[in-house]
Amino acid sequence: MGNVFEKIYEVVRKIPEGKVATYGQIAYAAGNAHWARVVGYALHVNPDPQKIKCYRVVNRDGRISPAFAFGGENRQRTLLKNEGVSVDKDGFVDLEKYRVDTFLLMI
């Protein structure tokens, strides 16, 4: 899994400040569209949260994680807000506005 996790971390590092990506986008850009759940596992054991900003990853509906590994839902909300990403009261990000183009994650 180490090599797979490294691919995932490489993609997550490409998410620009003020943008988010879905688990599925990360999986696709890392080489396998079926790895969305693996992306979640990789982010849960993120070895370097300062450089691998996993708080920028949301689910396919734009929902932030209620079990965010590095401080819970409120921490993820705060980190995104600090980058200018709005999260509504129900924990959703407007994907039309904030989702990064998958192509940018692949180059």
PDB file of N, CA and C in Angstrom:
ATOM      1  N   MET A   1       0.816  -1.207   0.000  1.00  0.00           N
ATOM      2  CA  MET A   1       0.000   0.000   0.000  1.00  0.00           C
ATOM      3  C   MET A   1       0.853   1.262   0.000  1.00  0.00           C
ATOM      4  N   GLY A   2       2.097   1.162   0.450  1.00  0.00           N
ATOM      5  CA  GLY A   2       2.949   2.339   0.542  1.00  0.00           C
ATOM      6  C   GLY A   2       3.041   3.113  -0.761  1.00  0.00           C
ATOM      7  N   ASN A   3       3.262   2.406  -1.862  1.00  0.00           N
ATOM      8  CA  ASN A   3       3.377   3.069  -3.153  1.00  0.00           C
ATOM      9  C   ASN A   3       2.054   3.727  -3.552  1.00  0.00           C
ATOM     10  N   VAL A   4       0.947   3.060  -3.285  1.00  0.00           N
ATOM     11  CA  VAL A   4      -0.378   3.609  -3.580  1.00  0.00           C
ATOM     12  C   VAL A   4      -0.612   4.864  -2.735  1.00  0.00           C
ATOM     13  N   PHE A   5      -0.290   4.786  -1.450  1.00  0.00           N
ATOM     14  CA  PHE A   5      -0.467   5.939  -0.576  1.00  0.00           C
ATOM     15  C   PHE A   5       0.385   7.107  -1.059  1.00  0.00           C
ATOM     16  N   GLU A   6       1.604   6.840  -1.497  1.00  0.00           N
ATOM     17  CA  GLU A   6       2.474   7.913  -1.989  1.00  0.00           C
ATOM     18  C   GLU A   6       1.864   8.591  -3.216  1.00  0.00           C
ATOM     19  N   LYS A   7       1.258   7.804  -4.110  1.00  0.00           N
ATOM     20  CA  LYS A   7       0.581   8.383  -5.277  1.00  0.00           C
ATOM     21  C   LYS A   7      -0.558   9.287  -4.817  1.00  0.00           C
ATOM     22  N   ILE A   8      -1.301   8.829  -3.844  1.00  0.00           N
ATOM     23  CA  ILE A   8      -2.428   9.599  -3.310  1.00  0.00           C
ATOM     24  C   ILE A   8      -1.918  10.901  -2.693  1.00  0.00           C
ATOM     25  N   TYR A   9      -0.874  10.822  -1.884  1.00  0.00           N
ATOM     26  CA  TYR A   9      -0.326  12.026  -1.251  1.00  0.00           C
ATOM     27  C   TYR A   9       0.188  13.012  -2.292  1.00  0.00           C
ATOM     28  N   GLU A  10       0.789  12.496  -3.353  1.00  0.00           N
ATOM     29  CA  GLU A  10       1.288  13.357  -4.424  1.00  0.00           C
ATOM     30  C   GLU A  10       0.144  14.146  -5.058  1.00  0.00           C
ATOM     31  N   VAL A  11      -0.982  13.485  -5.267  1.00  0.00           N
ATOM     32  CA  VAL A  11      -2.148  14.158  -5.855  1.00  0.00           C
ATOM     33  C   VAL A  11      -2.721  15.180  -4.877  1.00  0.00           C
ATOM     34  N   VAL A  12      -2.861  14.819  -3.619  1.00  0.00           N
ATOM     35  CA  VAL A  12      -3.434  15.737  -2.624  1.00  0.00           C
ATOM     36  C   VAL A  12      -2.581  17.003  -2.507  1.00  0.00           C
ATOM     37  N   ARG A  13      -1.282  16.857  -2.622  1.00  0.00           N
ATOM     38  CA  ARG A  13      -0.393  18.028  -2.563  1.00  0.00           C
ATOM     39  C   ARG A  13      -0.685  19.027  -3.677  1.00  0.00           C
ATOM     40  N   LYS A  14      -1.310  18.587  -4.750  1.00  0.00           N
ATOM     41  CA  LYS A  14      -1.590  19.444  -5.907  1.00  0.00           C
ATOM     42  C   LYS A  14      -2.872  20.255  -5.762  1.00  0.00           C
ATOM     43  N   ILE A  15      -3.675  19.971  -4.746  1.00  0.00           N
ATOM     44  CA  ILE A  15      -4.916  20.736  -4.561  1.00  0.00           C
ATOM     45  C   ILE A  15      -4.516  22.144  -4.119  1.00  0.00           C
ATOM     46  N   PRO A  16      -4.857  23.158  -4.914  1.00  0.00           N
ATOM     47  CA  PRO A  16      -4.437  24.513  -4.549  1.00  0.00           C
ATOM     48  C   PRO A  16      -5.212  25.076  -3.358  1.00  0.00           C
ATOM     49  N   GLU A  17      -4.602  26.011  -2.693  1.00  0.00           N
ATOM     50  CA  GLU A  17      -5.261  26.719  -1.597  1.00  0.00           C
ATOM     51  C   GLU A  17      -6.566  27.312  -2.108  1.00  0.00           C
ATOM     52  N   GLY A  18      -7.624  27.188  -1.297  1.00  0.00           N
ATOM     53  CA  GLY A  18      -8.922  27.738  -1.671  1.00  0.00           C
ATOM     54  C   GLY A  18      -9.754  26.820  -2.542  1.00  0.00           C
ATOM     55  N   LYS A  19      -9.282  25.590  -2.753  1.00  0.00           N
ATOM     56  CA  LYS A  19      -9.999  24.609  -3.560  1.00  0.00           C
ATOM     57  C   LYS A  19     -10.123  23.311  -2.780  1.00  0.00           C
ATOM     58  N   VAL A  20     -11.036  22.456  -3.218  1.00  0.00           N
ATOM     59  CA  VAL A  20     -11.191  21.119  -2.650  1.00  0.00           C
ATOM     60  C   VAL A  20     -11.229  20.113  -3.787  1.00  0.00           C
ATOM     61  N   ALA A  21     -11.058  18.856  -3.435  1.00  0.00           N
ATOM     62  CA  ALA A  21     -11.210  17.750  -4.375  1.00  0.00           C
ATOM     63  C   ALA A  21     -11.977  16.654  -3.656  1.00  0.00           C
ATOM     64  N   THR A  22     -12.634  15.806  -4.406  1.00  0.00           N
ATOM     65  CA  THR A  22     -13.355  14.690  -3.811  1.00  0.00           C
ATOM     66  C   THR A  22     -12.436  13.471  -3.720  1.00  0.00           C
ATOM     67  N   TYR A  23     -12.826  12.535  -2.871  1.00  0.00           N
ATOM     68  CA  TYR A  23     -12.069  11.290  -2.756  1.00  0.00           C
ATOM     69  C   TYR A  23     -11.968  10.615  -4.123  1.00  0.00           C
ATOM     70  N   GLY A  24     -13.054  10.656  -4.881  1.00  0.00           N
ATOM     71  CA  GLY A  24     -13.066  10.050  -6.210  1.00  0.00           C
ATOM     72  C   GLY A  24     -12.113  10.727  -7.175  1.00  0.00           C
ATOM     73  N   GLN A  25     -12.045  12.040  -7.131  1.00  0.00           N
ATOM     74  CA  GLN A  25     -11.090  12.763  -7.981  1.00  0.00           C
ATOM     75  C   GLN A  25      -9.656  12.360  -7.647  1.00  0.00           C
ATOM     76  N   ILE A  26      -9.368  12.276  -6.367  1.00  0.00           N
ATOM     77  CA  ILE A  26      -8.019  11.896  -5.935  1.00  0.00           C
ATOM     78  C   ILE A  26      -7.713  10.480  -6.423  1.00  0.00           C
ATOM     79  N   ALA A  27      -8.654   9.575  -6.245  1.00  0.00           N
ATOM     80  CA  ALA A  27      -8.458   8.188  -6.685  1.00  0.00           C
ATOM     81  C   ALA A  27      -8.184   8.127  -8.186  1.00  0.00           C
ATOM     82  N   TYR A  28      -8.997   8.816  -8.954  1.00  0.00           N
ATOM     83  CA  TYR A  28      -8.834   8.825 -10.412  1.00  0.00           C
ATOM     84  C   TYR A  28      -7.465   9.374 -10.809  1.00  0.00           C
ATOM     85  N   ALA A  29      -7.102  10.507 -10.235  1.00  0.00           N
ATOM     86  CA  ALA A  29      -5.825  11.142 -10.574  1.00  0.00           C
ATOM     87  C   ALA A  29      -4.635  10.307 -10.113  1.00  0.00           C
ATOM     88  N   ALA A  30      -4.824   9.493  -9.070  1.00  0.00           N
ATOM     89  CA  ALA A  30      -3.749   8.635  -8.563  1.00  0.00           C
ATOM     90  C   ALA A  30      -3.615   7.341  -9.359  1.00  0.00           C
ATOM     91  N   GLY A  31      -4.581   7.085 -10.256  1.00  0.00           N
ATOM     92  CA  GLY A  31      -4.424   5.925 -11.123  1.00  0.00           C
ATOM     93  C   GLY A  31      -5.513   4.885 -11.101  1.00  0.00           C
ATOM     94  N   ASN A  32      -6.490   5.002 -10.203  1.00  0.00           N
ATOM     95  CA  ASN A  32      -7.557   4.010 -10.163  1.00  0.00           C
ATOM     96  C   ASN A  32      -8.818   4.650  -9.575  1.00  0.00           C
ATOM     97  N   ALA A  33      -9.816   4.827 -10.413  1.00  0.00           N
ATOM     98  CA  ALA A  33     -11.062   5.484  -9.994  1.00  0.00           C
ATOM     99  C   ALA A  33     -11.786   4.731  -8.880  1.00  0.00           C
ATOM    100  N   HIS A  34     -11.405   3.486  -8.649  1.00  0.00           N
ATOM    101  CA  HIS A  34     -12.063   2.671  -7.617  1.00  0.00           C
ATOM    102  C   HIS A  34     -11.365   2.766  -6.259  1.00  0.00           C
ATOM    103  N   TRP A  35     -10.376   3.631  -6.130  1.00  0.00           N
ATOM    104  CA  TRP A  35      -9.613   3.758  -4.889  1.00  0.00           C
ATOM    105  C   TRP A  35     -10.169   4.788  -3.916  1.00  0.00           C
ATOM    106  N   ALA A  36     -11.372   5.262  -4.110  1.00  0.00           N
ATOM    107  CA  ALA A  36     -11.885   6.331  -3.232  1.00  0.00           C
ATOM    108  C   ALA A  36     -11.780   5.957  -1.757  1.00  0.00           C
ATOM    109  N   ARG A  37     -12.122   4.741  -1.421  1.00  0.00           N
ATOM    110  CA  ARG A  37     -12.032   4.303  -0.023  1.00  0.00           C
ATOM    111  C   ARG A  37     -10.566   4.221   0.431  1.00  0.00           C
ATOM    112  N   VAL A  38      -9.696   3.809  -0.475  1.00  0.00           N
ATOM    113  CA  VAL A  38      -8.261   3.752  -0.166  1.00  0.00           C
ATOM    114  C   VAL A  38      -7.730   5.157   0.106  1.00  0.00           C
ATOM    115  N   VAL A  39      -8.244   6.133  -0.643  1.00  0.00           N
ATOM    116  CA  VAL A  39      -7.852   7.527  -0.401  1.00  0.00           C
ATOM    117  C   VAL A  39      -8.174   7.898   1.051  1.00  0.00           C
ATOM    118  N   GLY A  40      -9.348   7.515   1.500  1.00  0.00           N
ATOM    119  CA  GLY A  40      -9.732   7.783   2.890  1.00  0.00           C
ATOM    120  C   GLY A  40      -8.777   7.145   3.886  1.00  0.00           C
ATOM    121  N   TYR A  41      -8.393   5.895   3.625  1.00  0.00           N
ATOM    122  CA  TYR A  41      -7.439   5.222   4.516  1.00  0.00           C
ATOM    123  C   TYR A  41      -6.103   5.957   4.524  1.00  0.00           C
ATOM    124  N   ALA A  42      -5.623   6.332   3.336  1.00  0.00           N
ATOM    125  CA  ALA A  42      -4.335   7.016   3.227  1.00  0.00           C
ATOM    126  C   ALA A  42      -4.360   8.340   3.992  1.00  0.00           C
ATOM    127  N   LEU A  43      -5.436   9.093   3.841  1.00  0.00           N
ATOM    128  CA  LEU A  43      -5.513  10.392   4.505  1.00  0.00           C
ATOM    129  C   LEU A  43      -5.620  10.241   6.016  1.00  0.00           C
ATOM    130  N   HIS A  44      -6.228   9.156   6.451  1.00  0.00           N
ATOM    131  CA  HIS A  44      -6.367   8.916   7.891  1.00  0.00           C
ATOM    132  C   HIS A  44      -5.003   8.704   8.559  1.00  0.00           C
ATOM    133  N   VAL A  45      -4.037   8.204   7.798  1.00  0.00           N
ATOM    134  CA  VAL A  45      -2.697   7.967   8.350  1.00  0.00           C
ATOM    135  C   VAL A  45      -1.673   8.931   7.742  1.00  0.00           C
ATOM    136  N   ASN A  46      -2.147  10.067   7.302  1.00  0.00           N
ATOM    137  CA  ASN A  46      -1.311  11.096   6.687  1.00  0.00           C
ATOM    138  C   ASN A  46      -0.052  11.340   7.535  1.00  0.00           C
ATOM    139  N   PRO A  47       1.130  11.094   6.967  1.00  0.00           N
ATOM    140  CA  PRO A  47       2.361  11.247   7.749  1.00  0.00           C
ATOM    141  C   PRO A  47       2.835  12.699   7.897  1.00  0.00           C
ATOM    142  N   ASP A  48       2.266  13.619   7.101  1.00  0.00           N
ATOM    143  CA  ASP A  48       2.751  14.999   7.121  1.00  0.00           C
ATOM    144  C   ASP A  48       1.615  15.984   6.808  1.00  0.00           C
ATOM    145  N   PRO A  49       0.704  16.187   7.767  1.00  0.00           N
ATOM    146  CA  PRO A  49      -0.448  17.067   7.533  1.00  0.00           C
ATOM    147  C   PRO A  49      -0.086  18.497   7.145  1.00  0.00           C
ATOM    148  N   GLN A  50       1.124  18.957   7.480  1.00  0.00           N
ATOM    149  CA  GLN A  50       1.537  20.307   7.105  1.00  0.00           C
ATOM    150  C   GLN A  50       1.732  20.434   5.600  1.00  0.00           C
ATOM    151  N   LYS A  51       2.206  19.373   4.964  1.00  0.00           N
ATOM    152  CA  LYS A  51       2.465  19.404   3.528  1.00  0.00           C
ATOM    153  C   LYS A  51       1.400  18.690   2.712  1.00  0.00           C
ATOM    154  N   ILE A  52       0.753  17.705   3.320  1.00  0.00           N
ATOM    155  CA  ILE A  52      -0.314  16.957   2.644  1.00  0.00           C
ATOM    156  C   ILE A  52      -1.619  17.411   3.283  1.00  0.00           C
ATOM    157  N   LYS A  53      -2.241  18.401   2.683  1.00  0.00           N
ATOM    158  CA  LYS A  53      -3.377  19.088   3.299  1.00  0.00           C
ATOM    159  C   LYS A  53      -4.681  18.323   3.023  1.00  0.00           C
ATOM    160  N   CYS A  54      -4.855  17.254   3.783  1.00  0.00           N
ATOM    161  CA  CYS A  54      -5.986  16.358   3.557  1.00  0.00           C
ATOM    162  C   CYS A  54      -7.332  17.007   3.892  1.00  0.00           C
ATOM    163  N   TYR A  55      -7.325  18.118   4.602  1.00  0.00           N
ATOM    164  CA  TYR A  55      -8.587  18.801   4.889  1.00  0.00           C
ATOM    165  C   TYR A  55      -9.223  19.355   3.619  1.00  0.00           C
ATOM    166  N   ARG A  56      -8.476  19.404   2.531  1.00  0.00           N
ATOM    167  CA  ARG A  56      -9.016  19.881   1.251  1.00  0.00           C
ATOM    168  C   ARG A  56      -9.783  18.794   0.496  1.00  0.00           C
ATOM    169  N   VAL A  57      -9.908  17.620   1.085  1.00  0.00           N
ATOM    170  CA  VAL A  57     -10.615  16.508   0.441  1.00  0.00           C
ATOM    171  C   VAL A  57     -11.982  16.336   1.097  1.00  0.00           C
ATOM    172  N   VAL A  58     -13.015  16.268   0.258  1.00  0.00           N
ATOM    173  CA  VAL A  58     -14.405  16.133   0.715  1.00  0.00           C
ATOM    174  C   VAL A  58     -15.049  14.953  -0.015  1.00  0.00           C
ATOM    175  N   ASN A  59     -16.234  14.572   0.423  1.00  0.00           N
ATOM    176  CA  ASN A  59     -16.885  13.459  -0.268  1.00  0.00           C
ATOM    177  C   ASN A  59     -17.516  13.914  -1.587  1.00  0.00           C
ATOM    178  N   ARG A  60     -18.082  12.979  -2.320  1.00  0.00           N
ATOM    179  CA  ARG A  60     -18.590  13.275  -3.673  1.00  0.00           C
ATOM    180  C   ARG A  60     -19.699  14.311  -3.692  1.00  0.00           C
ATOM    181  N   ASP A  61     -20.337  14.522  -2.547  1.00  0.00           N
ATOM    182  CA  ASP A  61     -21.404  15.522  -2.450  1.00  0.00           C
ATOM    183  C   ASP A  61     -20.892  16.867  -1.926  1.00  0.00           C
ATOM    184  N   GLY A  62     -19.599  16.922  -1.607  1.00  0.00           N
ATOM    185  CA  GLY A  62     -19.028  18.146  -1.059  1.00  0.00           C
ATOM    186  C   GLY A  62     -19.068  18.214   0.452  1.00  0.00           C
ATOM    187  N   ARG A  63     -19.429  17.119   1.085  1.00  0.00           N
ATOM    188  CA  ARG A  63     -19.548  17.080   2.548  1.00  0.00           C
ATOM    189  C   ARG A  63     -18.180  16.935   3.179  1.00  0.00           C
ATOM    190  N   ILE A  64     -17.903  17.742   4.208  1.00  0.00           N
ATOM    191  CA  ILE A  64     -16.674  17.573   4.972  1.00  0.00           C
ATOM    192  C   ILE A  64     -16.842  16.349   5.869  1.00  0.00           C
ATOM    193  N   SER A  65     -15.742  15.857   6.389  1.00  0.00           N
ATOM    194  CA  SER A  65     -15.764  14.623   7.171  1.00  0.00           C
ATOM    195  C   SER A  65     -16.149  14.870   8.621  1.00  0.00           C
ATOM    196  N   PRO A  66     -17.183  14.175   9.110  1.00  0.00           N
ATOM    197  CA  PRO A  66     -17.519  14.304  10.525  1.00  0.00           C
ATOM    198  C   PRO A  66     -16.452  13.655  11.414  1.00  0.00           C
ATOM    199  N   ALA A  67     -15.605  12.824  10.817  1.00  0.00           N
ATOM    200  CA  ALA A  67     -14.559  12.132  11.574  1.00  0.00           C
ATOM    201  C   ALA A  67     -13.180  12.560  11.096  1.00  0.00           C
ATOM    202  N   PHE A  68     -13.030  13.822  10.724  1.00  0.00           N
ATOM    203  CA  PHE A  68     -11.749  14.319  10.236  1.00  0.00           C
ATOM    204  C   PHE A  68     -10.647  13.904  11.205  1.00  0.00           C
ATOM    205  N   ALA A  69      -9.649  13.209  10.682  1.00  0.00           N
ATOM    206  CA  ALA A  69      -8.630  12.559  11.517  1.00  0.00           C
ATOM    207  C   ALA A  69      -7.785  13.528  12.332  1.00  0.00           C
ATOM    208  N   PHE A  70      -7.727  14.780  11.934  1.00  0.00           N
ATOM    209  CA  PHE A  70      -6.810  15.696  12.607  1.00  0.00           C
ATOM    210  C   PHE A  70      -7.549  16.804  13.337  1.00  0.00           C
ATOM    211  N   GLY A  71      -8.609  16.440  14.056  1.00  0.00           N
ATOM    212  CA  GLY A  71      -9.275  17.427  14.890  1.00  0.00           C
ATOM    213  C   GLY A  71     -10.782  17.495  14.732  1.00  0.00           C
ATOM    214  N   GLY A  72     -11.373  16.627  13.935  1.00  0.00           N
ATOM    215  CA  GLY A  72     -12.823  16.584  13.795  1.00  0.00           C
ATOM    216  C   GLY A  72     -13.366  17.552  12.758  1.00  0.00           C
ATOM    217  N   GLU A  73     -14.664  17.483  12.561  1.00  0.00           N
ATOM    218  CA  GLU A  73     -15.372  18.263  11.550  1.00  0.00           C
ATOM    219  C   GLU A  73     -15.129  19.759  11.694  1.00  0.00           C
ATOM    220  N   ASN A  74     -15.162  20.255  12.932  1.00  0.00           N
ATOM    221  CA  ASN A  74     -14.979  21.692  13.127  1.00  0.00           C
ATOM    222  C   ASN A  74     -13.584  22.144  12.719  1.00  0.00           C
ATOM    223  N   ARG A  75     -12.573  21.306  12.926  1.00  0.00           N
ATOM    224  CA  ARG A  75     -11.212  21.651  12.524  1.00  0.00           C
ATOM    225  C   ARG A  75     -11.110  21.733  11.003  1.00  0.00           C
ATOM    226  N   GLN A  76     -11.707  20.776  10.304  1.00  0.00           N
ATOM    227  CA  GLN A  76     -11.685  20.810   8.841  1.00  0.00           C
ATOM    228  C   GLN A  76     -12.416  22.047   8.332  1.00  0.00           C
ATOM    229  N   ARG A  77     -13.533  22.349   8.923  1.00  0.00           N
ATOM    230  CA  ARG A  77     -14.302  23.546   8.560  1.00  0.00           C
ATOM    231  C   ARG A  77     -13.451  24.810   8.735  1.00  0.00           C
ATOM    232  N   THR A  78     -12.763  24.908   9.863  1.00  0.00           N
ATOM    233  CA  THR A  78     -11.925  26.074  10.150  1.00  0.00           C
ATOM    234  C   THR A  78     -10.777  26.194   9.159  1.00  0.00           C
ATOM    235  N   LEU A  79     -10.095  25.088   8.882  1.00  0.00           N
ATOM    236  CA  LEU A  79      -8.971  25.119   7.952  1.00  0.00           C
ATOM    237  C   LEU A  79      -9.421  25.552   6.561  1.00  0.00           C
ATOM    238  N   LEU A  80     -10.571  25.037   6.109  1.00  0.00           N
ATOM    239  CA  LEU A  80     -11.091  25.441   4.799  1.00  0.00           C
ATOM    240  C   LEU A  80     -11.493  26.915   4.807  1.00  0.00           C
ATOM    241  N   LYS A  81     -12.177  27.331   5.863  1.00  0.00           N
ATOM    242  CA  LYS A  81     -12.600  28.730   5.964  1.00  0.00           C
ATOM    243  C   LYS A  81     -11.396  29.667   5.913  1.00  0.00           C
ATOM    244  N   ASN A  82     -10.302  29.275   6.558  1.00  0.00           N
ATOM    245  CA  ASN A  82      -9.084  30.088   6.557  1.00  0.00           C
ATOM    246  C   ASN A  82      -8.506  30.257   5.155  1.00  0.00           C
ATOM    247  N   GLU A  83      -8.873  29.371   4.241  1.00  0.00           N
ATOM    248  CA  GLU A  83      -8.420  29.460   2.847  1.00  0.00           C
ATOM    249  C   GLU A  83      -9.476  30.097   1.944  1.00  0.00           C
ATOM    250  N   GLY A  84     -10.586  30.534   2.547  1.00  0.00           N
ATOM    251  CA  GLY A  84     -11.625  31.184   1.761  1.00  0.00           C
ATOM    252  C   GLY A  84     -12.695  30.258   1.218  1.00  0.00           C
ATOM    253  N   VAL A  85     -12.704  29.005   1.667  1.00  0.00           N
ATOM    254  CA  VAL A  85     -13.708  28.037   1.221  1.00  0.00           C
ATOM    255  C   VAL A  85     -14.869  28.056   2.201  1.00  0.00           C
ATOM    256  N   SER A  86     -16.067  28.345   1.699  1.00  0.00           N
ATOM    257  CA  SER A  86     -17.254  28.375   2.551  1.00  0.00           C
ATOM    258  C   SER A  86     -17.805  26.967   2.751  1.00  0.00           C
ATOM    259  N   VAL A  87     -18.158  26.683   3.986  1.00  0.00           N
ATOM    260  CA  VAL A  87     -18.805  25.416   4.337  1.00  0.00           C
ATOM    261  C   VAL A  87     -20.137  25.791   4.959  1.00  0.00           C
ATOM    262  N   ASP A  88     -21.239  25.268   4.410  1.00  0.00           N
ATOM    263  CA  ASP A  88     -22.556  25.653   4.940  1.00  0.00           C
ATOM    264  C   ASP A  88     -22.808  25.008   6.301  1.00  0.00           C
ATOM    265  N   LYS A  89     -23.907  25.389   6.923  1.00  0.00           N
ATOM    266  CA  LYS A  89     -24.205  24.932   8.285  1.00  0.00           C
ATOM    267  C   LYS A  89     -24.358  23.421   8.382  1.00  0.00           C
ATOM    268  N   ASP A  90     -24.660  22.761   7.254  1.00  0.00           N
ATOM    269  CA  ASP A  90     -24.813  21.309   7.250  1.00  0.00           C
ATOM    270  C   ASP A  90     -23.518  20.574   6.907  1.00  0.00           C
ATOM    271  N   GLY A  91     -22.432  21.336   6.688  1.00  0.00           N
ATOM    272  CA  GLY A  91     -21.140  20.713   6.437  1.00  0.00           C
ATOM    273  C   GLY A  91     -20.821  20.447   4.980  1.00  0.00           C
ATOM    274  N   PHE A  92     -21.423  21.228   4.087  1.00  0.00           N
ATOM    275  CA  PHE A  92     -21.192  21.030   2.652  1.00  0.00           C
ATOM    276  C   PHE A  92     -20.455  22.212   2.036  1.00  0.00           C
ATOM    277  N   VAL A  93     -19.584  21.882   1.089  1.00  0.00           N
ATOM    278  CA  VAL A  93     -18.861  22.859   0.284  1.00  0.00           C
ATOM    279  C   VAL A  93     -19.542  22.902  -1.080  1.00  0.00           C
ATOM    280  N   ASP A  94     -19.685  24.065  -1.659  1.00  0.00           N
ATOM    281  CA  ASP A  94     -20.248  24.214  -3.005  1.00  0.00           C
ATOM    282  C   ASP A  94     -19.199  23.732  -4.016  1.00  0.00           C
ATOM    283  N   LEU A  95     -19.400  22.524  -4.541  1.00  0.00           N
ATOM    284  CA  LEU A  95     -18.422  21.944  -5.457  1.00  0.00           C
ATOM    285  C   LEU A  95     -18.331  22.704  -6.773  1.00  0.00           C
ATOM    286  N   GLU A  96     -19.429  23.296  -7.202  1.00  0.00           N
ATOM    287  CA  GLU A  96     -19.382  24.075  -8.443  1.00  0.00           C
ATOM    288  C   GLU A  96     -18.406  25.245  -8.308  1.00  0.00           C
ATOM    289  N   LYS A  97     -18.316  25.777  -7.118  1.00  0.00           N
ATOM    290  CA  LYS A  97     -17.478  26.949  -6.879  1.00  0.00           C
ATOM    291  C   LYS A  97     -16.043  26.582  -6.469  1.00  0.00           C
ATOM    292  N   TYR A  98     -15.884  25.540  -5.651  1.00  0.00           N
ATOM    293  CA  TYR A  98     -14.591  25.287  -5.026  1.00  0.00           C
ATOM    294  C   TYR A  98     -13.853  24.031  -5.506  1.00  0.00           C
ATOM    295  N   ARG A  99     -14.497  23.177  -6.278  1.00  0.00           N
ATOM    296  CA  ARG A  99     -13.815  21.946  -6.701  1.00  0.00           C
ATOM    297  C   ARG A  99     -12.749  22.242  -7.738  1.00  0.00           C
ATOM    298  N   VAL A 100     -11.553  21.697  -7.531  1.00  0.00           N
ATOM    299  CA  VAL A 100     -10.463  21.834  -8.482  1.00  0.00           C
ATOM    300  C   VAL A 100     -10.755  20.946  -9.693  1.00  0.00           C
ATOM    301  N   ASP A 101     -10.303  21.365 -10.851  1.00  0.00           N
ATOM    302  CA  ASP A 101     -10.441  20.571 -12.065  1.00  0.00           C
ATOM    303  C   ASP A 101      -9.545  19.337 -11.936  1.00  0.00           C
ATOM    304  N   THR A 102     -10.107  18.155 -12.159  1.00  0.00           N
ATOM    305  CA  THR A 102      -9.354  16.916 -12.037  1.00  0.00           C
ATOM    306  C   THR A 102      -8.091  16.929 -12.894  1.00  0.00           C
ATOM    307  N   PHE A 103      -8.168  17.523 -14.073  1.00  0.00           N
ATOM    308  CA  PHE A 103      -7.008  17.584 -14.955  1.00  0.00           C
ATOM    309  C   PHE A 103      -5.800  18.225 -14.258  1.00  0.00           C
ATOM    310  N   LEU A 104      -6.046  19.251 -13.450  1.00  0.00           N
ATOM    311  CA  LEU A 104      -4.951  19.931 -12.749  1.00  0.00           C
ATOM    312  C   LEU A 104      -4.259  19.034 -11.721  1.00  0.00           C
ATOM    313  N   LEU A 105      -4.972  18.007 -11.282  1.00  0.00           N
ATOM    314  CA  LEU A 105      -4.391  17.080 -10.315  1.00  0.00           C
ATOM    315  C   LEU A 105      -3.517  16.029 -10.985  1.00  0.00           C
ATOM    316  N   MET A 106      -3.650  15.927 -12.301  1.00  0.00           N
ATOM    317  CA  MET A 106      -2.962  14.869 -13.033  1.00  0.00           C
ATOM    318  C   MET A 106      -1.663  15.332 -13.690  1.00  0.00           C
ATOM    319  N   ILE A 107      -1.420  16.637 -13.717  1.00  0.00           N
ATOM    320  CA  ILE A 107      -0.210  17.122 -14.404  1.00  0.00           C
ATOM    321  C   ILE A 107       0.937  17.344 -13.440  1.00  0.00           C
TER     322      ILE A 107
END
